[in-house]
Amino acid sequence: MVAGVLALLGLLGGCGVDHTDVRGQDRTACESLVADLPTHVAGHRLVKRLPDVPGATWGDPAIVLRCGVGKPKGYDPVAKCQVVNGMGWFVPKDGMFDQSVDVVMTAISRTPYVEVTVPAKYRPPVAAMVDLAASIRAHTNPSDYCS
């Protein structure tokens, strides 16, 4: 049990995005998003909601969602986005082409930003993008990026 918690904390800490302390309207939006997340993502059952992050996990190894993260490393306004179901996602180049690595993608077309890590075992990440789009759209606001 302790090893599982430590592994999850390591995964949350190493996602490639500077974690921000989620407060105010962003905190409210993230809490409502987490409360309304689907019970299944990419065919994997919801394992737990993480109110302190705020976020959630599905499956084992875990698909991890974190809400209220900072702008992803490597993103700039001219960076290419992947648009799935009307939601713009930023996926760093290593996550785009290297099928052996976990994909860390950020819903950059909405604020607060929502980051989703999909283990390499579950690639491609499109199913997670599709399954999460409606909930993210319902609880976040449009941004100027990747729209």
Protein backbone atom coordinates (compact mmCIF):
# COMPACT_ATOMS: atom_id res chain seq x y z
CA MET A 1 0.00 0.00 0.00
CA VAL A 2 2.75 2.45 0.97
CA ALA A 3 4.66 1.62 -2.22
CA GLY A 4 1.53 2.32 -4.30
CA VAL A 5 1.01 5.73 -2.68
CA LEU A 6 4.69 6.62 -3.14
CA ALA A 7 4.54 5.57 -6.81
CA LEU A 8 1.44 7.72 -7.39
CA LEU A 9 3.08 10.71 -5.71
CA GLY A 10 6.15 10.20 -7.91
CA LEU A 11 3.95 10.10 -11.01
CA LEU A 12 2.14 13.28 -9.98
CA GLY A 13 5.40 15.06 -9.24
CA GLY A 14 7.13 14.09 -12.47
CA CYS A 15 4.54 15.02 -15.05
CA GLY A 16 6.57 17.73 -16.77
CA VAL A 17 4.33 20.61 -15.72
CA ASP A 18 5.09 23.03 -12.92
CA HIS A 19 2.42 22.39 -10.30
CA THR A 20 0.53 25.44 -9.19
CA ASP A 21 -1.35 25.93 -5.97
CA VAL A 22 -4.93 25.90 -7.26
CA ARG A 23 -6.96 28.69 -5.69
CA GLY A 24 -10.03 30.84 -6.15
CA GLN A 25 -12.12 30.36 -9.28
CA ASP A 26 -9.66 27.80 -10.65
CA ARG A 27 -10.00 25.73 -7.47
CA THR A 28 -13.81 25.86 -7.71
CA ALA A 29 -13.72 24.84 -11.39
CA CYS A 30 -11.28 22.00 -10.68
CA GLU A 31 -13.30 20.67 -7.75
CA SER A 32 -16.48 20.63 -9.84
CA LEU A 33 -14.61 18.92 -12.70
CA VAL A 34 -13.24 16.21 -10.40
CA ALA A 35 -16.71 15.61 -8.93
CA ASP A 36 -18.14 15.17 -12.45
CA LEU A 37 -15.46 13.01 -14.09
CA PRO A 38 -16.52 9.85 -15.94
CA THR A 39 -16.37 6.49 -14.17
CA HIS A 40 -14.40 5.02 -17.10
CA VAL A 41 -11.63 6.52 -19.21
CA ALA A 42 -10.12 4.62 -22.14
CA GLY A 43 -11.86 1.49 -20.86
CA HIS A 44 -10.38 1.79 -17.36
CA ARG A 45 -12.43 2.18 -14.19
CA LEU A 46 -12.10 5.20 -11.89
CA VAL A 47 -9.78 4.22 -9.04
CA LYS A 48 -9.88 7.38 -6.94
CA ARG A 49 -10.55 11.07 -6.93
CA LEU A 50 -7.69 13.18 -5.58
CA PRO A 51 -9.29 16.27 -3.99
CA ASP A 52 -6.00 17.73 -2.75
CA VAL A 53 -4.38 17.70 -6.21
CA PRO A 54 -7.29 18.13 -7.53
CA GLY A 55 -7.46 15.17 -9.88
CA ALA A 56 -8.31 11.50 -10.39
CA THR A 57 -6.87 8.18 -11.52
CA TRP A 58 -8.20 5.35 -13.69
CA GLY A 59 -6.74 1.88 -14.13
CA ASP A 60 -3.45 0.25 -13.13
CA PRO A 61 -1.03 1.57 -14.26
CA ALA A 62 -2.93 4.78 -13.68
CA ILE A 63 -4.20 7.29 -16.15
CA VAL A 64 -3.81 10.46 -14.06
CA LEU A 65 -5.74 13.71 -14.44
CA ARG A 66 -4.57 16.87 -12.65
CA CYS A 67 -6.51 20.11 -12.82
CA GLY A 68 -5.10 23.59 -12.32
CA VAL A 69 -1.60 22.93 -13.61
CA GLY A 70 0.68 25.55 -15.15
CA LYS A 71 1.46 25.95 -18.83
CA PRO A 72 3.24 22.79 -20.04
CA LYS A 73 6.97 22.78 -20.70
CA GLY A 74 7.75 23.48 -24.33
CA TYR A 75 4.42 25.11 -25.10
CA ASP A 76 4.26 28.45 -26.87
CA PRO A 77 1.39 30.10 -28.76
CA VAL A 78 2.59 28.72 -32.11
CA ALA A 79 3.04 25.15 -30.85
CA LYS A 80 1.01 22.52 -32.66
CA CYS A 81 -2.12 21.22 -30.94
CA GLN A 82 -4.05 18.01 -31.32
CA VAL A 83 -7.77 18.78 -31.54
CA VAL A 84 -10.10 15.94 -30.54
CA ASN A 85 -13.84 16.48 -30.05
CA GLY A 86 -13.32 20.23 -30.18
CA MET A 87 -10.74 20.14 -27.36
CA GLY A 88 -7.21 21.37 -28.07
CA TRP A 89 -4.46 19.30 -26.46
CA PHE A 90 -0.76 20.05 -26.32
CA VAL A 91 1.40 16.93 -26.50
CA PRO A 92 5.19 17.40 -26.32
CA LYS A 93 7.13 15.96 -29.26
CA ASP A 94 8.59 13.05 -27.26
CA GLY A 95 5.08 12.01 -26.23
CA MET A 96 3.84 12.37 -29.77
CA PHE A 97 6.29 10.11 -31.52
CA ASP A 98 7.90 7.79 -28.97
CA GLN A 99 5.38 5.00 -28.44
CA SER A 100 7.37 3.62 -25.49
CA VAL A 101 6.87 6.65 -23.21
CA ASP A 102 3.92 7.80 -21.16
CA VAL A 103 1.99 10.61 -22.83
CA VAL A 104 1.64 13.79 -20.79
CA MET A 105 -0.92 15.97 -22.53
CA THR A 106 -2.53 19.21 -21.47
CA ALA A 107 -5.96 20.53 -22.42
CA ILE A 108 -4.56 23.93 -23.36
CA SER A 109 -7.71 25.23 -25.06
CA ARG A 110 -9.45 25.54 -21.67
CA THR A 111 -8.64 27.20 -18.33
CA PRO A 112 -7.76 26.16 -15.78
CA TYR A 113 -5.41 23.84 -17.64
CA VAL A 114 -6.00 20.11 -17.23
CA GLU A 115 -3.12 17.65 -17.58
CA VAL A 116 -3.66 13.97 -18.33
CA THR A 117 -0.91 11.35 -18.19
CA VAL A 118 -1.64 8.20 -20.18
CA PRO A 119 0.77 5.27 -19.62
CA ALA A 120 2.60 4.00 -22.71
CA LYS A 121 0.76 0.70 -22.28
CA TYR A 122 -2.53 2.43 -23.22
CA ARG A 123 -1.32 4.28 -26.32
CA PRO A 124 -2.64 5.94 -28.38
CA PRO A 125 -4.17 8.48 -25.97
CA VAL A 126 -7.12 9.45 -28.19
CA ALA A 127 -9.65 7.40 -26.18
CA ALA A 128 -8.74 9.32 -23.01
CA MET A 129 -9.04 12.62 -24.91
CA VAL A 130 -12.51 11.66 -26.14
CA ASP A 131 -13.73 10.34 -22.77
CA LEU A 132 -12.63 13.43 -20.83
CA ALA A 133 -13.57 16.19 -23.31
CA ALA A 134 -17.20 16.71 -22.22
CA SER A 135 -16.38 16.95 -18.50
CA ILE A 136 -13.46 19.30 -19.07
CA ARG A 137 -15.56 21.52 -21.36
CA ALA A 138 -18.43 21.61 -18.83
CA HIS A 139 -16.27 22.86 -15.96
CA THR A 140 -13.60 25.04 -17.56
CA ASN A 141 -13.50 28.18 -19.69
CA PRO A 142 -12.25 28.63 -23.26
CA SER A 143 -8.74 30.03 -23.63
CA ASP A 144 -7.07 31.74 -26.55
CA TYR A 145 -4.63 28.87 -27.07
CA CYS A 146 -5.22 26.09 -29.54
CA SER A 147 -8.80 27.06 -30.29
